[in-house]
N, C-alpha and C. Protein backbone atom coordinates (compact mmCIF):
# COMPACT_ATOMS: atom_id res chain seq x y z
N MET A 1 0.85 -1.17 0.00
CA MET A 1 0.00 0.00 0.00
C MET A 1 0.90 1.24 0.00
N THR A 2 0.61 2.17 -0.87
CA THR A 2 1.44 3.36 -1.00
C THR A 2 1.11 4.39 0.08
N LEU A 3 2.01 5.36 0.21
CA LEU A 3 1.80 6.44 1.17
C LEU A 3 0.52 7.21 0.85
N TRP A 4 0.26 7.46 -0.44
CA TRP A 4 -0.96 8.19 -0.83
C TRP A 4 -2.21 7.41 -0.45
N GLU A 5 -2.18 6.09 -0.63
CA GLU A 5 -3.33 5.27 -0.26
C GLU A 5 -3.55 5.32 1.25
N LEU A 6 -2.46 5.20 2.01
CA LEU A 6 -2.57 5.29 3.47
C LEU A 6 -3.07 6.66 3.91
N LEU A 7 -2.61 7.70 3.22
CA LEU A 7 -3.07 9.05 3.55
C LEU A 7 -4.57 9.19 3.29
N LEU A 8 -5.04 8.67 2.17
CA LEU A 8 -6.47 8.73 1.86
C LEU A 8 -7.29 7.95 2.89
N ILE A 9 -6.82 6.77 3.27
CA ILE A 9 -7.52 5.99 4.28
C ILE A 9 -7.51 6.74 5.61
N SER A 10 -6.38 7.36 5.94
CA SER A 10 -6.29 8.14 7.19
C SER A 10 -7.31 9.26 7.21
N VAL A 11 -7.41 9.98 6.11
CA VAL A 11 -8.39 11.07 6.01
C VAL A 11 -9.81 10.52 6.11
N GLY A 12 -10.07 9.43 5.39
CA GLY A 12 -11.40 8.82 5.43
C GLY A 12 -11.79 8.39 6.84
N LEU A 13 -10.86 7.74 7.53
CA LEU A 13 -11.15 7.29 8.89
C LEU A 13 -11.34 8.45 9.87
N SER A 14 -10.67 9.55 9.62
CA SER A 14 -10.73 10.67 10.56
C SER A 14 -12.00 11.51 10.43
N MET A 15 -12.81 11.25 9.44
CA MET A 15 -13.98 12.10 9.21
C MET A 15 -15.04 11.98 10.31
N ASP A 16 -15.19 10.81 10.92
CA ASP A 16 -16.12 10.71 12.07
C ASP A 16 -15.62 11.58 13.22
N ALA A 17 -14.32 11.49 13.48
CA ALA A 17 -13.73 12.31 14.56
C ALA A 17 -13.85 13.79 14.21
N PHE A 18 -13.68 14.13 12.94
CA PHE A 18 -13.81 15.51 12.49
C PHE A 18 -15.23 16.03 12.76
N ALA A 19 -16.22 15.20 12.43
CA ALA A 19 -17.61 15.60 12.63
C ALA A 19 -17.90 15.85 14.11
N VAL A 20 -17.40 14.97 14.98
CA VAL A 20 -17.62 15.16 16.42
C VAL A 20 -16.82 16.36 16.92
N SER A 21 -15.64 16.59 16.35
CA SER A 21 -14.83 17.76 16.73
C SER A 21 -15.55 19.06 16.40
N ILE A 22 -16.25 19.07 15.29
CA ILE A 22 -17.06 20.25 14.93
C ILE A 22 -18.10 20.50 16.02
N CYS A 23 -18.73 19.43 16.47
CA CYS A 23 -19.73 19.57 17.55
C CYS A 23 -19.08 20.04 18.84
N LYS A 24 -17.88 19.55 19.11
CA LYS A 24 -17.15 20.03 20.30
C LYS A 24 -16.89 21.53 20.18
N GLY A 25 -16.51 21.97 18.99
CA GLY A 25 -16.28 23.39 18.78
C GLY A 25 -17.53 24.22 19.03
N LEU A 26 -18.69 23.66 18.62
CA LEU A 26 -19.96 24.34 18.89
C LEU A 26 -20.21 24.44 20.39
N SER A 27 -19.92 23.36 21.11
CA SER A 27 -20.21 23.35 22.54
C SER A 27 -19.22 24.22 23.33
N LEU A 28 -18.00 24.35 22.85
CA LEU A 28 -17.01 25.16 23.55
C LEU A 28 -17.14 26.64 23.23
N GLN A 29 -17.71 26.97 22.10
CA GLN A 29 -17.94 28.32 21.61
C GLN A 29 -16.65 29.11 21.36
N LYS A 30 -15.77 29.24 22.33
CA LYS A 30 -14.49 29.93 22.14
C LYS A 30 -13.37 29.00 22.61
N PRO A 31 -13.05 27.99 21.80
CA PRO A 31 -12.04 27.03 22.24
C PRO A 31 -10.63 27.63 22.21
N THR A 32 -9.79 27.16 23.12
CA THR A 32 -8.38 27.54 23.12
C THR A 32 -7.62 26.49 22.32
N TRP A 33 -6.36 26.76 22.02
CA TRP A 33 -5.55 25.76 21.31
C TRP A 33 -5.42 24.51 22.16
N LYS A 34 -5.41 24.67 23.49
CA LYS A 34 -5.31 23.51 24.41
C LYS A 34 -6.56 22.65 24.30
N ASP A 35 -7.74 23.26 24.26
CA ASP A 35 -8.99 22.51 24.09
C ASP A 35 -8.95 21.71 22.79
N SER A 36 -8.54 22.35 21.72
CA SER A 36 -8.47 21.70 20.42
C SER A 36 -7.47 20.55 20.43
N PHE A 37 -6.34 20.77 21.11
CA PHE A 37 -5.32 19.74 21.18
C PHE A 37 -5.80 18.54 21.98
N VAL A 38 -6.53 18.77 23.07
CA VAL A 38 -7.07 17.67 23.88
C VAL A 38 -8.02 16.83 23.05
N VAL A 39 -8.92 17.48 22.31
CA VAL A 39 -9.85 16.75 21.45
C VAL A 39 -9.08 15.96 20.40
N GLY A 40 -8.11 16.61 19.73
CA GLY A 40 -7.32 15.94 18.72
C GLY A 40 -6.53 14.77 19.28
N LEU A 41 -6.01 14.92 20.47
CA LEU A 41 -5.22 13.87 21.10
C LEU A 41 -6.08 12.64 21.42
N TYR A 42 -7.26 12.85 21.98
CA TYR A 42 -8.16 11.73 22.25
C TYR A 42 -8.45 10.96 20.97
N PHE A 43 -8.90 11.69 19.95
CA PHE A 43 -9.29 11.02 18.70
C PHE A 43 -8.08 10.41 17.99
N GLY A 44 -6.96 11.12 17.98
CA GLY A 44 -5.75 10.61 17.32
C GLY A 44 -5.24 9.33 17.95
N ILE A 45 -5.21 9.29 19.28
CA ILE A 45 -4.71 8.09 19.97
C ILE A 45 -5.62 6.90 19.69
N PHE A 46 -6.92 7.09 19.79
CA PHE A 46 -7.82 5.96 19.57
C PHE A 46 -7.87 5.54 18.10
N GLN A 47 -7.76 6.50 17.18
CA GLN A 47 -7.73 6.12 15.77
C GLN A 47 -6.46 5.35 15.43
N ALA A 48 -5.40 5.55 16.17
CA ALA A 48 -4.15 4.79 15.96
C ALA A 48 -4.21 3.44 16.66
N MET A 49 -4.79 3.38 17.84
CA MET A 49 -4.84 2.13 18.61
C MET A 49 -5.74 1.08 17.96
N MET A 50 -6.88 1.50 17.47
CA MET A 50 -7.85 0.53 16.94
C MET A 50 -7.32 -0.24 15.72
N PRO A 51 -6.67 0.40 14.74
CA PRO A 51 -6.12 -0.39 13.64
C PRO A 51 -5.03 -1.36 14.11
N LEU A 52 -4.28 -0.96 15.12
CA LEU A 52 -3.26 -1.86 15.67
C LEU A 52 -3.91 -3.10 16.27
N ILE A 53 -4.98 -2.91 17.03
CA ILE A 53 -5.70 -4.05 17.61
C ILE A 53 -6.28 -4.92 16.50
N GLY A 54 -6.90 -4.29 15.50
CA GLY A 54 -7.45 -5.04 14.37
C GLY A 54 -6.37 -5.79 13.60
N PHE A 55 -5.22 -5.15 13.44
CA PHE A 55 -4.09 -5.78 12.74
C PHE A 55 -3.63 -7.03 13.49
N LEU A 56 -3.52 -6.92 14.81
CA LEU A 56 -3.08 -8.05 15.62
C LEU A 56 -4.09 -9.20 15.55
N ILE A 57 -5.36 -8.87 15.56
CA ILE A 57 -6.40 -9.89 15.41
C ILE A 57 -6.33 -10.52 14.02
N GLY A 58 -6.25 -9.68 13.01
CA GLY A 58 -6.23 -10.16 11.62
C GLY A 58 -4.99 -10.98 11.29
N THR A 59 -3.86 -10.65 11.91
CA THR A 59 -2.63 -11.39 11.65
C THR A 59 -2.79 -12.86 12.04
N GLY A 60 -3.56 -13.12 13.07
CA GLY A 60 -3.80 -14.49 13.50
C GLY A 60 -4.58 -15.31 12.48
N PHE A 61 -5.37 -14.64 11.64
CA PHE A 61 -6.20 -15.34 10.66
C PHE A 61 -5.67 -15.23 9.23
N ALA A 62 -4.72 -14.34 8.99
CA ALA A 62 -4.28 -14.04 7.62
C ALA A 62 -3.81 -15.28 6.88
N GLY A 63 -3.07 -16.15 7.54
CA GLY A 63 -2.56 -17.35 6.87
C GLY A 63 -3.66 -18.29 6.42
N TYR A 64 -4.78 -18.32 7.14
CA TYR A 64 -5.87 -19.24 6.82
C TYR A 64 -6.71 -18.78 5.64
N ILE A 65 -6.77 -17.49 5.43
CA ILE A 65 -7.67 -16.98 4.40
C ILE A 65 -6.93 -16.12 3.37
N GLU A 66 -5.68 -16.45 3.14
CA GLU A 66 -4.83 -15.64 2.27
C GLU A 66 -5.40 -15.45 0.87
N LYS A 67 -6.02 -16.49 0.31
CA LYS A 67 -6.51 -16.33 -1.07
C LYS A 67 -7.79 -15.50 -1.14
N TRP A 68 -8.39 -15.17 0.02
CA TRP A 68 -9.61 -14.37 0.05
C TRP A 68 -9.39 -12.99 0.66
N ASP A 69 -8.15 -12.69 1.06
CA ASP A 69 -7.87 -11.47 1.80
C ASP A 69 -8.29 -10.20 1.08
N HIS A 70 -8.11 -10.13 -0.22
CA HIS A 70 -8.50 -8.94 -0.98
C HIS A 70 -10.01 -8.73 -0.96
N TRP A 71 -10.76 -9.83 -0.99
CA TRP A 71 -12.22 -9.73 -0.92
C TRP A 71 -12.65 -9.24 0.47
N ILE A 72 -12.00 -9.74 1.50
CA ILE A 72 -12.33 -9.33 2.86
C ILE A 72 -12.02 -7.86 3.06
N ALA A 73 -10.84 -7.42 2.60
CA ALA A 73 -10.47 -6.00 2.70
C ALA A 73 -11.48 -5.14 1.94
N PHE A 74 -11.84 -5.58 0.74
CA PHE A 74 -12.83 -4.87 -0.08
C PHE A 74 -14.16 -4.75 0.65
N ILE A 75 -14.67 -5.87 1.16
CA ILE A 75 -15.97 -5.89 1.84
C ILE A 75 -15.95 -5.00 3.08
N LEU A 76 -14.90 -5.11 3.90
CA LEU A 76 -14.83 -4.30 5.12
C LEU A 76 -14.80 -2.81 4.79
N LEU A 77 -13.96 -2.41 3.84
CA LEU A 77 -13.86 -0.98 3.50
C LEU A 77 -15.16 -0.46 2.91
N VAL A 78 -15.79 -1.24 2.04
CA VAL A 78 -17.05 -0.80 1.42
C VAL A 78 -18.16 -0.70 2.46
N ILE A 79 -18.25 -1.69 3.36
CA ILE A 79 -19.30 -1.64 4.40
C ILE A 79 -19.10 -0.43 5.30
N ILE A 80 -17.85 -0.20 5.74
CA ILE A 80 -17.58 0.96 6.60
C ILE A 80 -17.90 2.26 5.86
N GLY A 81 -17.49 2.34 4.59
CA GLY A 81 -17.75 3.54 3.79
C GLY A 81 -19.23 3.80 3.60
N ILE A 82 -19.98 2.75 3.26
CA ILE A 82 -21.42 2.90 3.06
C ILE A 82 -22.10 3.31 4.37
N LYS A 83 -21.65 2.72 5.48
CA LYS A 83 -22.20 3.09 6.80
C LYS A 83 -21.98 4.59 7.05
N MET A 84 -20.78 5.08 6.75
CA MET A 84 -20.50 6.51 6.94
C MET A 84 -21.36 7.37 6.03
N ILE A 85 -21.56 6.94 4.79
CA ILE A 85 -22.39 7.71 3.85
C ILE A 85 -23.83 7.77 4.35
N ILE A 86 -24.36 6.64 4.82
CA ILE A 86 -25.73 6.60 5.34
C ILE A 86 -25.86 7.50 6.56
N GLU A 87 -24.87 7.42 7.47
CA GLU A 87 -24.91 8.27 8.66
C GLU A 87 -24.84 9.74 8.31
N SER A 88 -24.14 10.07 7.23
CA SER A 88 -24.04 11.48 6.83
C SER A 88 -25.37 12.02 6.33
N ARG A 89 -26.23 11.14 5.86
CA ARG A 89 -27.53 11.55 5.33
C ARG A 89 -28.55 11.78 6.45
N LYS A 90 -28.28 11.23 7.63
CA LYS A 90 -29.20 11.42 8.76
C LYS A 90 -29.03 12.83 9.29
N ASN A 91 -30.09 13.40 9.72
CA ASN A 91 -30.04 14.76 10.25
C ASN A 91 -29.84 14.69 11.76
N GLU A 92 -28.59 14.45 12.17
CA GLU A 92 -28.30 14.34 13.60
C GLU A 92 -27.79 15.67 14.13
N SER A 93 -28.17 15.97 15.33
CA SER A 93 -27.67 17.18 15.97
C SER A 93 -26.35 16.88 16.66
N CYS A 94 -25.78 17.87 17.25
CA CYS A 94 -24.51 17.70 17.95
C CYS A 94 -24.69 17.38 19.42
N GLU A 95 -25.87 16.97 19.84
CA GLU A 95 -26.11 16.70 21.24
C GLU A 95 -25.23 15.59 21.79
N MET A 96 -24.91 14.60 20.97
CA MET A 96 -24.11 13.48 21.45
C MET A 96 -22.72 13.88 21.89
N SER A 97 -22.22 15.00 21.45
CA SER A 97 -20.86 15.39 21.79
C SER A 97 -20.76 16.23 23.05
N GLY A 98 -21.86 16.46 23.68
CA GLY A 98 -21.82 17.17 24.96
C GLY A 98 -22.10 18.65 24.83
N THR A 99 -22.87 19.06 23.86
CA THR A 99 -23.19 20.46 23.70
C THR A 99 -23.87 21.00 24.95
N ASN A 100 -23.47 22.17 25.34
CA ASN A 100 -24.00 22.88 26.49
C ASN A 100 -23.69 22.22 27.83
N ASN A 101 -22.75 21.33 27.90
CA ASN A 101 -22.31 20.78 29.18
C ASN A 101 -21.13 21.58 29.66
N GLU A 102 -21.04 21.72 30.99
CA GLU A 102 -19.95 22.51 31.56
C GLU A 102 -18.59 21.91 31.27
N ASN A 103 -18.43 20.60 31.52
CA ASN A 103 -17.13 19.97 31.38
C ASN A 103 -17.12 19.05 30.17
N THR A 104 -17.22 19.63 29.00
CA THR A 104 -17.37 18.87 27.77
C THR A 104 -16.11 18.11 27.36
N LEU A 105 -14.94 18.42 27.95
CA LEU A 105 -13.70 17.73 27.61
C LEU A 105 -13.25 16.76 28.70
N SER A 106 -14.14 16.44 29.62
CA SER A 106 -13.77 15.51 30.70
C SER A 106 -13.54 14.11 30.12
N PHE A 107 -12.81 13.31 30.86
CA PHE A 107 -12.51 11.94 30.46
C PHE A 107 -13.80 11.16 30.22
N ASN A 108 -14.79 11.35 31.09
CA ASN A 108 -16.07 10.64 30.97
C ASN A 108 -16.83 11.01 29.70
N LYS A 109 -16.65 12.23 29.23
CA LYS A 109 -17.32 12.67 27.99
C LYS A 109 -16.52 12.27 26.75
N MET A 110 -15.19 12.39 26.83
CA MET A 110 -14.35 12.16 25.65
C MET A 110 -14.10 10.69 25.35
N LEU A 111 -13.97 9.85 26.36
CA LEU A 111 -13.63 8.45 26.14
C LEU A 111 -14.67 7.73 25.26
N PRO A 112 -15.98 7.83 25.57
CA PRO A 112 -16.94 7.14 24.70
C PRO A 112 -16.94 7.69 23.27
N LEU A 113 -16.72 8.98 23.12
CA LEU A 113 -16.66 9.56 21.78
C LEU A 113 -15.44 9.06 21.01
N ALA A 114 -14.31 9.00 21.69
CA ALA A 114 -13.07 8.53 21.04
C ALA A 114 -13.20 7.07 20.63
N ILE A 115 -13.80 6.25 21.48
CA ILE A 115 -13.99 4.84 21.14
C ILE A 115 -15.00 4.71 20.01
N GLY A 116 -16.11 5.42 20.12
CA GLY A 116 -17.17 5.34 19.11
C GLY A 116 -16.73 5.77 17.73
N THR A 117 -15.89 6.80 17.65
CA THR A 117 -15.45 7.28 16.33
C THR A 117 -14.32 6.43 15.75
N SER A 118 -13.74 5.54 16.56
CA SER A 118 -12.61 4.75 16.06
C SER A 118 -12.92 3.28 15.85
N ILE A 119 -14.14 2.85 16.09
CA ILE A 119 -14.50 1.44 15.90
C ILE A 119 -14.27 1.01 14.45
N ASP A 120 -14.59 1.87 13.49
CA ASP A 120 -14.38 1.54 12.08
C ASP A 120 -12.90 1.26 11.80
N ALA A 121 -12.03 1.94 12.51
CA ALA A 121 -10.59 1.76 12.30
C ALA A 121 -10.14 0.36 12.73
N LEU A 122 -10.87 -0.26 13.64
CA LEU A 122 -10.56 -1.63 14.04
C LEU A 122 -10.68 -2.57 12.84
N ALA A 123 -11.77 -2.44 12.10
CA ALA A 123 -11.98 -3.28 10.92
C ALA A 123 -10.94 -2.99 9.84
N VAL A 124 -10.57 -1.73 9.71
CA VAL A 124 -9.54 -1.38 8.73
C VAL A 124 -8.21 -2.03 9.12
N GLY A 125 -7.93 -2.09 10.42
CA GLY A 125 -6.72 -2.77 10.89
C GLY A 125 -6.71 -4.24 10.51
N VAL A 126 -7.86 -4.90 10.56
CA VAL A 126 -7.95 -6.29 10.11
C VAL A 126 -7.61 -6.36 8.63
N SER A 127 -8.13 -5.43 7.84
CA SER A 127 -7.80 -5.37 6.41
C SER A 127 -6.30 -5.18 6.20
N PHE A 128 -5.69 -4.34 7.01
CA PHE A 128 -4.25 -4.11 6.91
C PHE A 128 -3.47 -5.41 7.11
N ALA A 129 -3.93 -6.26 8.02
CA ALA A 129 -3.25 -7.54 8.25
C ALA A 129 -3.32 -8.41 7.01
N PHE A 130 -4.47 -8.44 6.36
CA PHE A 130 -4.63 -9.25 5.16
C PHE A 130 -3.82 -8.71 3.98
N LEU A 131 -3.61 -7.40 3.98
CA LEU A 131 -2.87 -6.76 2.88
C LEU A 131 -1.38 -6.62 3.19
N SER A 132 -0.96 -7.12 4.34
CA SER A 132 0.45 -7.05 4.78
C SER A 132 0.98 -5.62 4.82
N VAL A 133 0.18 -4.72 5.32
CA VAL A 133 0.57 -3.32 5.46
C VAL A 133 1.55 -3.20 6.62
N ARG A 134 2.58 -2.38 6.46
CA ARG A 134 3.49 -2.10 7.58
C ARG A 134 2.71 -1.27 8.59
N ILE A 135 2.42 -1.87 9.73
CA ILE A 135 1.43 -1.30 10.65
C ILE A 135 1.92 -0.07 11.40
N LEU A 136 3.17 -0.02 11.81
CA LEU A 136 3.63 1.13 12.60
C LEU A 136 3.58 2.44 11.81
N PRO A 137 4.08 2.48 10.56
CA PRO A 137 3.91 3.73 9.80
C PRO A 137 2.44 4.04 9.54
N ALA A 138 1.63 3.00 9.31
CA ALA A 138 0.21 3.22 9.02
C ALA A 138 -0.51 3.83 10.20
N ILE A 139 -0.31 3.27 11.40
CA ILE A 139 -1.04 3.82 12.56
C ILE A 139 -0.48 5.17 12.97
N SER A 140 0.80 5.40 12.72
CA SER A 140 1.37 6.73 13.01
C SER A 140 0.72 7.78 12.12
N LEU A 141 0.55 7.44 10.85
CA LEU A 141 -0.08 8.38 9.92
C LEU A 141 -1.55 8.59 10.27
N ILE A 142 -2.26 7.50 10.55
CA ILE A 142 -3.69 7.62 10.90
C ILE A 142 -3.86 8.47 12.15
N GLY A 143 -3.06 8.22 13.18
CA GLY A 143 -3.17 8.99 14.42
C GLY A 143 -2.83 10.45 14.22
N SER A 144 -1.78 10.73 13.47
CA SER A 144 -1.36 12.12 13.22
C SER A 144 -2.39 12.88 12.41
N VAL A 145 -2.88 12.26 11.34
CA VAL A 145 -3.88 12.92 10.50
C VAL A 145 -5.15 13.19 11.30
N THR A 146 -5.58 12.22 12.08
CA THR A 146 -6.78 12.41 12.89
C THR A 146 -6.59 13.51 13.92
N LEU A 147 -5.43 13.54 14.57
CA LEU A 147 -5.15 14.60 15.54
C LEU A 147 -5.27 15.97 14.88
N LEU A 148 -4.63 16.14 13.73
CA LEU A 148 -4.66 17.45 13.04
C LEU A 148 -6.06 17.82 12.57
N ILE A 149 -6.74 16.87 11.96
CA ILE A 149 -8.08 17.15 11.44
C ILE A 149 -9.05 17.46 12.58
N SER A 150 -8.93 16.73 13.69
CA SER A 150 -9.80 16.99 14.84
C SER A 150 -9.48 18.33 15.49
N PHE A 151 -8.20 18.66 15.56
CA PHE A 151 -7.76 19.95 16.11
C PHE A 151 -8.45 21.08 15.35
N PHE A 152 -8.38 21.04 14.02
CA PHE A 152 -8.99 22.09 13.22
C PHE A 152 -10.51 21.99 13.20
N GLY A 153 -11.05 20.77 13.39
CA GLY A 153 -12.50 20.60 13.46
C GLY A 153 -13.13 21.37 14.60
N VAL A 154 -12.43 21.44 15.73
CA VAL A 154 -12.94 22.20 16.88
C VAL A 154 -13.09 23.67 16.50
N TYR A 155 -12.09 24.23 15.83
CA TYR A 155 -12.16 25.63 15.42
C TYR A 155 -13.22 25.85 14.35
N ILE A 156 -13.32 24.94 13.42
CA ILE A 156 -14.35 25.07 12.38
C ILE A 156 -15.73 25.06 13.02
N GLY A 157 -15.95 24.17 13.99
CA GLY A 157 -17.24 24.13 14.68
C GLY A 157 -17.55 25.41 15.42
N SER A 158 -16.53 26.01 16.03
CA SER A 158 -16.78 27.23 16.78
C SER A 158 -17.06 28.42 15.86
N PHE A 159 -16.52 28.40 14.65
CA PHE A 159 -16.71 29.52 13.73
C PHE A 159 -17.87 29.34 12.76
N PHE A 160 -18.04 28.13 12.25
CA PHE A 160 -19.01 27.92 11.17
C PHE A 160 -20.23 27.10 11.55
N GLY A 161 -20.22 26.50 12.72
CA GLY A 161 -21.34 25.65 13.10
C GLY A 161 -21.23 24.27 12.51
N SER A 162 -22.33 23.55 12.47
CA SER A 162 -22.31 22.14 12.08
C SER A 162 -22.56 21.90 10.59
N ARG A 163 -22.42 22.91 9.76
CA ARG A 163 -22.67 22.75 8.33
C ARG A 163 -21.78 21.71 7.67
N PHE A 164 -20.56 21.54 8.16
CA PHE A 164 -19.60 20.64 7.51
C PHE A 164 -19.64 19.22 8.05
N LYS A 165 -20.41 18.98 9.11
CA LYS A 165 -20.42 17.68 9.77
C LYS A 165 -20.83 16.58 8.79
N SER A 166 -21.97 16.69 8.16
CA SER A 166 -22.44 15.62 7.28
C SER A 166 -21.60 15.52 6.02
N LYS A 167 -21.10 16.64 5.53
CA LYS A 167 -20.24 16.60 4.34
C LYS A 167 -18.93 15.86 4.62
N ALA A 168 -18.40 16.03 5.83
CA ALA A 168 -17.17 15.34 6.21
C ALA A 168 -17.40 13.84 6.28
N GLU A 169 -18.51 13.42 6.88
CA GLU A 169 -18.81 11.99 6.97
C GLU A 169 -19.04 11.41 5.58
N MET A 170 -19.72 12.14 4.72
CA MET A 170 -19.97 11.68 3.35
C MET A 170 -18.65 11.50 2.61
N ALA A 171 -17.76 12.48 2.69
CA ALA A 171 -16.47 12.40 2.01
C ALA A 171 -15.65 11.23 2.53
N GLY A 172 -15.63 11.02 3.84
CA GLY A 172 -14.90 9.90 4.42
C GLY A 172 -15.43 8.57 3.92
N GLY A 173 -16.73 8.43 3.86
CA GLY A 173 -17.35 7.20 3.36
C GLY A 173 -17.01 6.93 1.92
N ILE A 174 -17.07 7.96 1.09
CA ILE A 174 -16.75 7.81 -0.33
C ILE A 174 -15.29 7.39 -0.51
N ILE A 175 -14.39 7.99 0.24
CA ILE A 175 -12.97 7.64 0.15
C ILE A 175 -12.77 6.16 0.50
N LEU A 176 -13.39 5.68 1.56
CA LEU A 176 -13.20 4.28 1.96
C LEU A 176 -13.79 3.32 0.94
N VAL A 177 -14.95 3.63 0.37
CA VAL A 177 -15.55 2.78 -0.66
C VAL A 177 -14.62 2.73 -1.88
N LEU A 178 -14.11 3.87 -2.31
CA LEU A 178 -13.21 3.90 -3.47
C LEU A 178 -11.93 3.12 -3.20
N MET A 179 -11.39 3.22 -1.99
CA MET A 179 -10.18 2.46 -1.66
C MET A 179 -10.47 0.96 -1.67
N GLY A 180 -11.63 0.56 -1.21
CA GLY A 180 -12.01 -0.85 -1.25
C GLY A 180 -12.06 -1.37 -2.67
N PHE A 181 -12.67 -0.61 -3.58
CA PHE A 181 -12.73 -1.01 -4.98
C PHE A 181 -11.34 -1.04 -5.61
N LYS A 182 -10.51 -0.07 -5.26
CA LYS A 182 -9.16 -0.03 -5.81
C LYS A 182 -8.37 -1.26 -5.39
N ILE A 183 -8.46 -1.66 -4.12
CA ILE A 183 -7.76 -2.85 -3.63
C ILE A 183 -8.22 -4.09 -4.39
N LEU A 184 -9.53 -4.23 -4.56
CA LEU A 184 -10.06 -5.39 -5.26
C LEU A 184 -9.63 -5.41 -6.72
N LEU A 185 -9.80 -4.30 -7.41
CA LEU A 185 -9.44 -4.23 -8.83
C LEU A 185 -7.95 -4.41 -9.05
N ASN A 186 -7.15 -3.91 -8.14
CA ASN A 186 -5.70 -4.11 -8.20
C ASN A 186 -5.36 -5.59 -8.08
N HIS A 187 -5.96 -6.25 -7.10
CA HIS A 187 -5.68 -7.66 -6.88
C HIS A 187 -6.14 -8.52 -8.06
N LEU A 188 -7.26 -8.17 -8.64
CA LEU A 188 -7.77 -8.90 -9.80
C LEU A 188 -7.04 -8.51 -11.09
N GLU A 189 -6.08 -7.60 -10.95
CA GLU A 189 -5.23 -7.11 -12.04
C GLU A 189 -6.02 -6.45 -13.15
N LEU A 190 -7.14 -5.80 -12.78
CA LEU A 190 -7.92 -5.03 -13.74
C LEU A 190 -7.42 -3.60 -13.84
N ILE A 191 -6.73 -3.14 -12.79
CA ILE A 191 -6.04 -1.85 -12.81
C ILE A 191 -4.68 -2.05 -12.18
N SER A 192 -3.79 -1.10 -12.38
CA SER A 192 -2.43 -1.31 -11.84
C SER A 192 -1.87 -0.06 -11.17
N PHE A 193 -2.72 0.74 -10.58
CA PHE A 193 -2.19 1.91 -9.85
C PHE A 193 -2.53 1.81 -8.40
């Protein structure tokens, strides 16, 4: 998997965290750089940990299903992408992120959000095991990209409101679906990029 492919997957995976970060920005109203960094750190760490866990799980099964690994990676990425696209079409408010709560960045508020936005990354980690992706550079990139995107998401939410939330989830879903098709078509040797 190339650096550009990993970067696209990183951006796609970070879109759920970005959407929640926008809501955090709405709830904080005037966030400081420290507030934004705390949000980015929570999401970045969990987005990096989940693919590692998925990779470790998938590595145990990779040898048994080697001739089907491209199909599994394709199915997982497409399902995750379609789920994100469907969620982007729902008209959800930002209440789940703690809007109007006094301590919106507390551990009790941030932990469930960080876990919830990174569950998809667990399945991607399983795909990484089947595709023999070098996991440490991959999770470093995913964590860093998510941290940065979430950091800026807080500011975007405080300035522009929730207009970008559903568009971010839609874009992330489309990226993951396209990456799934690319992996499959590459393996079937129908394309070579």
